[in-house]
């Protein structure tokens, strides 16, 4: 499912064009905010889009074997990835470029982007692949 772009989420969904994962950051209290929001849920401060390193750890995951969408081959991994910048900074994504049975909690991953079209705009879906350090 592709997002409907608006003023609050456009920076996140289009940032992958330059290979950067950008996440809202509160300029008042200094926390990263996900899910995307219009203002900081902790202090109502202004959020600005800032680049993160794009590295993280698989916090939890599931392997989906049900073909809900015929365009998406099964099995595929849906994961919650905790980003390095902040404890509890987590995003839901897919794990790619590996066998589903090789994914585990604690797996080190890094962001990749899959370009999709939404109307007349391109969005860059962040997905994660195992890190090769």
N, C-alpha and C. Protein backbone atom coordinates (compact mmCIF):
# COMPACT_ATOMS: atom_id res chain seq x y z
N UNK A 1 0.85 -1.17 0.00
CA UNK A 1 0.00 0.00 0.00
C UNK A 1 0.89 1.24 0.00
N UNK A 2 0.58 2.14 -0.89
CA UNK A 2 1.38 3.36 -1.01
C UNK A 2 0.70 4.50 -0.26
N UNK A 3 1.47 5.38 0.34
CA UNK A 3 0.90 6.47 1.13
C UNK A 3 0.32 7.57 0.25
N UNK A 4 -0.71 8.23 0.77
CA UNK A 4 -1.18 9.48 0.16
C UNK A 4 -0.27 10.57 0.72
N UNK A 5 0.38 11.31 -0.16
CA UNK A 5 1.33 12.32 0.30
C UNK A 5 0.61 13.57 0.78
N UNK A 6 1.12 14.14 1.88
CA UNK A 6 0.60 15.41 2.40
C UNK A 6 1.77 16.19 2.98
N UNK A 7 1.49 17.37 3.53
CA UNK A 7 2.56 18.23 4.05
C UNK A 7 3.34 17.59 5.21
N UNK A 8 2.71 16.70 5.96
CA UNK A 8 3.36 16.11 7.13
C UNK A 8 4.21 14.88 6.81
N UNK A 9 3.95 14.22 5.69
CA UNK A 9 4.69 12.99 5.41
C UNK A 9 5.55 13.04 4.14
N UNK A 10 5.39 14.08 3.34
CA UNK A 10 6.08 14.15 2.04
C UNK A 10 7.60 14.02 2.19
N UNK A 11 8.20 14.70 3.16
CA UNK A 11 9.66 14.65 3.33
C UNK A 11 10.13 13.23 3.62
N UNK A 12 9.37 12.48 4.41
CA UNK A 12 9.75 11.10 4.73
C UNK A 12 9.68 10.21 3.49
N UNK A 13 8.58 10.30 2.75
CA UNK A 13 8.35 9.38 1.63
C UNK A 13 9.12 9.74 0.37
N UNK A 14 9.62 10.95 0.24
CA UNK A 14 10.36 11.33 -0.96
C UNK A 14 11.86 11.43 -0.73
N UNK A 15 12.29 11.36 0.53
CA UNK A 15 13.71 11.55 0.86
C UNK A 15 14.62 10.49 0.25
N UNK A 16 14.13 9.31 0.04
CA UNK A 16 14.96 8.24 -0.49
C UNK A 16 15.51 8.51 -1.87
N UNK A 17 15.03 9.54 -2.54
CA UNK A 17 15.54 9.89 -3.86
C UNK A 17 17.05 10.14 -3.80
N UNK A 18 17.54 10.66 -2.68
CA UNK A 18 18.98 10.91 -2.54
C UNK A 18 19.65 9.88 -1.63
N UNK A 19 18.94 8.78 -1.34
CA UNK A 19 19.52 7.71 -0.54
C UNK A 19 19.53 7.96 0.95
N UNK A 20 18.84 8.99 1.41
CA UNK A 20 18.80 9.32 2.83
C UNK A 20 17.44 8.96 3.42
N UNK A 21 17.45 8.38 4.60
CA UNK A 21 16.23 8.17 5.37
C UNK A 21 16.08 9.39 6.26
N UNK A 22 14.97 10.09 6.12
CA UNK A 22 14.72 11.28 6.93
C UNK A 22 13.53 11.04 7.83
N UNK A 23 13.69 11.43 9.09
CA UNK A 23 12.68 11.20 10.11
C UNK A 23 12.40 12.53 10.80
N UNK A 24 11.14 12.79 11.17
CA UNK A 24 10.84 14.03 11.90
C UNK A 24 11.59 14.09 13.23
N UNK A 25 12.13 15.27 13.51
CA UNK A 25 12.89 15.52 14.74
C UNK A 25 12.31 16.76 15.40
N UNK A 26 12.07 16.68 16.71
CA UNK A 26 11.52 17.83 17.44
C UNK A 26 12.63 18.81 17.78
N UNK A 27 12.46 20.03 17.31
CA UNK A 27 13.47 21.07 17.56
C UNK A 27 13.41 21.58 19.00
N UNK A 28 12.34 21.29 19.72
CA UNK A 28 12.22 21.76 21.10
C UNK A 28 12.78 20.75 22.10
N UNK A 29 12.31 19.50 22.06
CA UNK A 29 12.74 18.53 23.08
C UNK A 29 13.77 17.52 22.57
N UNK A 30 14.08 17.55 21.28
CA UNK A 30 15.17 16.74 20.76
C UNK A 30 14.89 15.27 20.59
N UNK A 31 13.64 14.90 20.34
CA UNK A 31 13.34 13.49 20.10
C UNK A 31 12.95 13.26 18.65
N UNK A 32 13.26 12.08 18.16
CA UNK A 32 12.83 11.64 16.83
C UNK A 32 11.40 11.15 16.97
N UNK A 33 10.57 11.40 15.96
CA UNK A 33 9.15 11.10 16.07
C UNK A 33 8.69 10.18 14.94
N UNK A 34 8.28 8.99 15.32
CA UNK A 34 7.62 8.04 14.42
C UNK A 34 6.54 7.38 15.25
N UNK A 35 5.30 7.29 14.79
CA UNK A 35 4.86 7.58 13.43
C UNK A 35 4.86 9.07 13.12
N UNK A 36 4.81 9.34 11.82
CA UNK A 36 4.84 10.72 11.33
C UNK A 36 3.69 11.51 11.94
N UNK A 37 3.97 12.75 12.29
CA UNK A 37 2.99 13.60 12.96
C UNK A 37 3.18 15.05 12.53
N UNK A 38 2.17 15.87 12.84
CA UNK A 38 2.23 17.29 12.51
C UNK A 38 3.06 18.06 13.52
N UNK A 39 3.08 17.57 14.78
CA UNK A 39 3.85 18.23 15.84
C UNK A 39 4.33 17.16 16.81
N UNK A 40 5.25 17.52 17.67
CA UNK A 40 5.81 16.57 18.62
C UNK A 40 4.73 16.08 19.58
N UNK A 41 4.57 14.77 19.72
CA UNK A 41 3.56 14.26 20.65
C UNK A 41 3.95 14.45 22.11
N UNK A 42 5.24 14.73 22.39
CA UNK A 42 5.68 14.92 23.77
C UNK A 42 5.54 16.36 24.25
N UNK A 43 5.87 17.34 23.36
CA UNK A 43 5.90 18.74 23.82
C UNK A 43 5.18 19.70 22.88
N UNK A 44 4.56 19.20 21.83
CA UNK A 44 3.88 20.02 20.81
C UNK A 44 4.85 20.91 20.04
N UNK A 45 6.14 20.58 20.08
CA UNK A 45 7.15 21.36 19.37
C UNK A 45 7.10 21.15 17.87
N UNK A 46 7.83 22.00 17.16
CA UNK A 46 7.93 21.95 15.70
C UNK A 46 8.81 20.77 15.30
N UNK A 47 8.36 20.05 14.28
CA UNK A 47 9.14 18.93 13.75
C UNK A 47 9.80 19.35 12.46
N UNK A 48 11.05 18.93 12.30
CA UNK A 48 11.73 19.14 11.02
C UNK A 48 12.30 17.80 10.57
N UNK A 49 12.38 17.64 9.29
CA UNK A 49 12.88 16.40 8.72
C UNK A 49 14.40 16.41 8.77
N UNK A 50 14.98 15.37 9.39
CA UNK A 50 16.43 15.26 9.48
C UNK A 50 16.88 13.87 9.05
N UNK A 51 18.04 13.80 8.44
CA UNK A 51 18.58 12.51 8.01
C UNK A 51 19.06 11.71 9.22
N UNK A 52 18.78 10.42 9.17
CA UNK A 52 19.33 9.47 10.14
C UNK A 52 20.33 8.59 9.40
N UNK A 53 21.10 7.82 10.13
CA UNK A 53 22.15 7.02 9.50
C UNK A 53 21.61 5.87 8.66
N UNK A 54 20.37 5.44 8.93
CA UNK A 54 19.78 4.35 8.15
C UNK A 54 20.16 2.97 8.62
N UNK A 55 20.83 2.87 9.76
CA UNK A 55 21.17 1.58 10.32
C UNK A 55 20.29 1.27 11.52
N UNK A 56 20.03 -0.01 11.72
CA UNK A 56 19.21 -0.39 12.85
C UNK A 56 19.29 -1.87 13.13
N UNK A 57 18.36 -2.32 13.97
CA UNK A 57 18.30 -3.69 14.43
C UNK A 57 16.86 -4.19 14.31
N UNK A 58 16.69 -5.42 13.89
CA UNK A 58 15.35 -6.01 13.87
C UNK A 58 14.88 -6.17 15.31
N UNK A 59 13.81 -5.47 15.65
CA UNK A 59 13.24 -5.53 17.00
C UNK A 59 12.29 -6.73 17.11
N UNK A 60 11.46 -6.91 16.08
CA UNK A 60 10.57 -8.06 15.97
C UNK A 60 10.19 -8.22 14.51
N UNK A 61 9.64 -9.35 14.15
CA UNK A 61 9.29 -9.58 12.74
C UNK A 61 8.30 -10.73 12.62
N UNK A 62 7.74 -10.83 11.44
CA UNK A 62 6.92 -11.98 11.08
C UNK A 62 7.19 -12.30 9.62
N UNK A 63 7.04 -13.55 9.26
CA UNK A 63 7.19 -13.97 7.88
C UNK A 63 5.79 -14.25 7.36
N UNK A 64 5.40 -13.51 6.32
CA UNK A 64 4.06 -13.65 5.76
C UNK A 64 4.09 -14.65 4.60
N UNK A 65 3.19 -15.63 4.69
CA UNK A 65 3.07 -16.65 3.64
C UNK A 65 1.76 -16.51 2.88
N UNK A 66 0.90 -15.59 3.29
CA UNK A 66 -0.41 -15.38 2.67
C UNK A 66 -0.28 -14.41 1.51
N UNK A 67 -0.70 -14.79 0.30
CA UNK A 67 -0.60 -13.89 -0.85
C UNK A 67 -1.74 -12.86 -0.89
N UNK A 68 -1.68 -11.87 -0.02
CA UNK A 68 -2.71 -10.84 0.03
C UNK A 68 -2.73 -10.00 -1.24
N UNK A 69 -1.56 -9.76 -1.80
CA UNK A 69 -1.44 -8.97 -3.02
C UNK A 69 -0.71 -9.83 -4.04
N UNK A 70 -1.34 -10.16 -5.16
CA UNK A 70 -0.70 -11.05 -6.13
C UNK A 70 0.59 -10.48 -6.72
N UNK A 71 0.80 -9.18 -6.60
CA UNK A 71 2.02 -8.56 -7.13
C UNK A 71 3.21 -8.75 -6.19
N UNK A 72 2.96 -9.20 -4.96
CA UNK A 72 4.02 -9.36 -3.97
C UNK A 72 4.23 -10.86 -3.73
N UNK A 73 5.39 -11.37 -4.16
CA UNK A 73 5.64 -12.81 -3.97
C UNK A 73 5.84 -13.16 -2.50
N UNK A 74 5.34 -14.32 -2.12
CA UNK A 74 5.50 -14.81 -0.76
C UNK A 74 6.59 -15.87 -0.74
N UNK A 75 7.22 -16.11 0.37
CA UNK A 75 7.06 -15.41 1.65
C UNK A 75 7.85 -14.10 1.66
N UNK A 76 7.42 -13.18 2.53
CA UNK A 76 8.15 -11.94 2.73
C UNK A 76 8.13 -11.58 4.21
N UNK A 77 9.10 -10.77 4.60
CA UNK A 77 9.29 -10.44 6.01
C UNK A 77 8.79 -9.02 6.27
N UNK A 78 7.94 -8.90 7.27
CA UNK A 78 7.51 -7.60 7.79
C UNK A 78 8.18 -7.47 9.16
N UNK A 79 8.87 -6.36 9.37
CA UNK A 79 9.63 -6.20 10.61
C UNK A 79 9.42 -4.82 11.22
N UNK A 80 9.68 -4.76 12.49
CA UNK A 80 9.83 -3.49 13.20
C UNK A 80 11.33 -3.32 13.39
N UNK A 81 11.87 -2.26 12.81
CA UNK A 81 13.30 -1.98 12.89
C UNK A 81 13.52 -0.81 13.84
N UNK A 82 14.39 -1.03 14.83
CA UNK A 82 14.75 0.05 15.75
C UNK A 82 15.99 0.73 15.20
N UNK A 83 15.86 2.02 14.91
CA UNK A 83 16.97 2.79 14.35
C UNK A 83 17.99 3.14 15.44
N UNK A 84 19.24 3.33 15.03
CA UNK A 84 20.33 3.58 15.98
C UNK A 84 20.23 4.90 16.72
N UNK A 85 19.54 5.88 16.15
CA UNK A 85 19.56 7.23 16.71
C UNK A 85 18.93 7.35 18.08
N UNK A 86 17.96 6.48 18.39
CA UNK A 86 17.23 6.67 19.64
C UNK A 86 16.54 5.37 20.02
N UNK A 87 16.62 5.01 21.31
CA UNK A 87 15.86 3.86 21.79
C UNK A 87 14.38 4.13 21.54
N UNK A 88 13.67 3.14 21.10
CA UNK A 88 12.24 3.22 20.79
C UNK A 88 11.93 3.99 19.51
N UNK A 89 12.93 4.33 18.70
CA UNK A 89 12.67 4.92 17.39
C UNK A 89 12.56 3.75 16.41
N UNK A 90 11.33 3.35 16.15
CA UNK A 90 11.07 2.13 15.38
C UNK A 90 10.16 2.42 14.20
N UNK A 91 10.47 1.75 13.08
CA UNK A 91 9.60 1.86 11.91
C UNK A 91 9.29 0.46 11.39
N UNK A 92 8.10 0.33 10.86
CA UNK A 92 7.68 -0.93 10.23
C UNK A 92 8.17 -0.91 8.79
N UNK A 93 8.69 -2.04 8.36
CA UNK A 93 9.24 -2.12 7.02
C UNK A 93 9.36 -3.58 6.61
N UNK A 94 9.87 -3.80 5.42
CA UNK A 94 10.17 -5.15 4.96
C UNK A 94 11.67 -5.38 5.07
N UNK A 95 12.05 -6.65 5.29
CA UNK A 95 13.44 -7.06 5.24
C UNK A 95 13.64 -7.73 3.88
N UNK A 96 14.64 -7.27 3.14
CA UNK A 96 14.87 -7.73 1.78
C UNK A 96 16.30 -8.25 1.62
N UNK A 97 16.58 -8.80 0.46
CA UNK A 97 17.92 -9.25 0.09
C UNK A 97 18.46 -10.36 0.99
N UNK A 98 17.55 -11.20 1.50
CA UNK A 98 17.96 -12.36 2.28
C UNK A 98 16.82 -13.37 2.30
N UNK A 99 17.13 -14.57 2.70
CA UNK A 99 16.09 -15.58 2.86
C UNK A 99 15.27 -15.27 4.11
N UNK A 100 13.95 -15.39 4.03
CA UNK A 100 13.13 -15.09 5.21
C UNK A 100 13.53 -15.86 6.47
N UNK A 101 13.98 -17.12 6.32
CA UNK A 101 14.33 -17.89 7.51
C UNK A 101 15.68 -17.49 8.11
N UNK A 102 16.39 -16.55 7.48
CA UNK A 102 17.65 -16.06 8.05
C UNK A 102 17.44 -14.83 8.93
N UNK A 103 16.24 -14.26 8.92
CA UNK A 103 15.95 -13.07 9.74
C UNK A 103 15.76 -13.52 11.19
N UNK A 104 16.28 -12.71 12.11
CA UNK A 104 16.13 -12.99 13.53
C UNK A 104 16.09 -11.67 14.30
N UNK A 105 15.55 -11.72 15.48
CA UNK A 105 15.58 -10.55 16.35
C UNK A 105 17.03 -10.22 16.65
N UNK A 106 17.38 -8.95 16.53
CA UNK A 106 18.75 -8.51 16.76
C UNK A 106 19.59 -8.41 15.50
N UNK A 107 19.04 -8.86 14.36
CA UNK A 107 19.76 -8.78 13.09
C UNK A 107 20.08 -7.32 12.77
N UNK A 108 21.35 -7.04 12.44
CA UNK A 108 21.76 -5.69 12.06
C UNK A 108 21.37 -5.45 10.60
N UNK A 109 20.69 -4.32 10.35
CA UNK A 109 20.18 -4.02 9.02
C UNK A 109 20.50 -2.58 8.64
N UNK A 110 20.37 -2.30 7.33
CA UNK A 110 20.54 -0.93 6.84
C UNK A 110 19.49 -0.68 5.77
N UNK A 111 19.17 0.58 5.60
CA UNK A 111 18.07 0.98 4.72
C UNK A 111 18.45 0.88 3.25
N UNK A 112 17.46 0.54 2.46
CA UNK A 112 17.47 0.59 1.00
C UNK A 112 16.15 1.26 0.63
N UNK A 113 16.00 1.64 -0.61
CA UNK A 113 14.75 2.28 -1.03
C UNK A 113 14.20 1.62 -2.28
N UNK A 114 12.89 1.46 -2.31
CA UNK A 114 12.19 0.96 -3.49
C UNK A 114 11.31 2.09 -4.01
N UNK A 115 11.59 2.51 -5.23
CA UNK A 115 10.85 3.62 -5.83
C UNK A 115 9.49 3.13 -6.35
N UNK A 116 8.46 3.89 -6.03
CA UNK A 116 7.10 3.62 -6.49
C UNK A 116 6.48 4.94 -6.93
N UNK A 117 5.48 4.86 -7.76
CA UNK A 117 4.79 6.07 -8.21
C UNK A 117 3.45 6.22 -7.50
N UNK A 118 3.18 7.43 -7.01
CA UNK A 118 1.90 7.79 -6.41
C UNK A 118 1.41 9.00 -7.17
N UNK A 119 0.43 8.79 -8.04
CA UNK A 119 -0.03 9.89 -8.89
C UNK A 119 1.13 10.36 -9.76
N UNK A 120 1.44 11.64 -9.69
CA UNK A 120 2.54 12.17 -10.49
C UNK A 120 3.83 12.36 -9.68
N UNK A 121 3.89 11.74 -8.48
CA UNK A 121 5.07 11.85 -7.64
C UNK A 121 5.69 10.48 -7.40
N UNK A 122 6.99 10.47 -7.17
CA UNK A 122 7.69 9.26 -6.80
C UNK A 122 7.82 9.21 -5.29
N UNK A 123 7.57 8.03 -4.72
CA UNK A 123 7.83 7.80 -3.30
C UNK A 123 8.91 6.73 -3.21
N UNK A 124 9.64 6.77 -2.13
CA UNK A 124 10.75 5.85 -1.93
C UNK A 124 10.49 5.08 -0.63
N UNK A 125 10.00 3.86 -0.79
CA UNK A 125 9.65 3.03 0.35
C UNK A 125 10.93 2.55 1.01
N UNK A 126 11.13 2.89 2.30
CA UNK A 126 12.31 2.37 2.98
C UNK A 126 12.11 0.89 3.30
N UNK A 127 13.06 0.08 2.89
CA UNK A 127 13.13 -1.33 3.24
C UNK A 127 14.51 -1.55 3.83
N UNK A 128 14.70 -2.66 4.49
CA UNK A 128 15.98 -2.90 5.15
C UNK A 128 16.58 -4.22 4.71
N UNK A 129 17.88 -4.25 4.59
CA UNK A 129 18.63 -5.45 4.21
C UNK A 129 19.67 -5.72 5.29
N UNK A 130 20.07 -6.99 5.45
CA UNK A 130 21.12 -7.28 6.43
C UNK A 130 22.38 -6.48 6.13
N UNK A 131 23.00 -5.98 7.21
CA UNK A 131 24.23 -5.21 7.05
C UNK A 131 25.40 -6.13 6.75
N UNK A 132 26.28 -5.63 5.92
CA UNK A 132 27.51 -6.33 5.61
C UNK A 132 28.65 -5.45 6.11
N UNK A 133 29.04 -5.65 7.36
CA UNK A 133 30.07 -4.80 7.96
C UNK A 133 31.45 -5.39 7.79
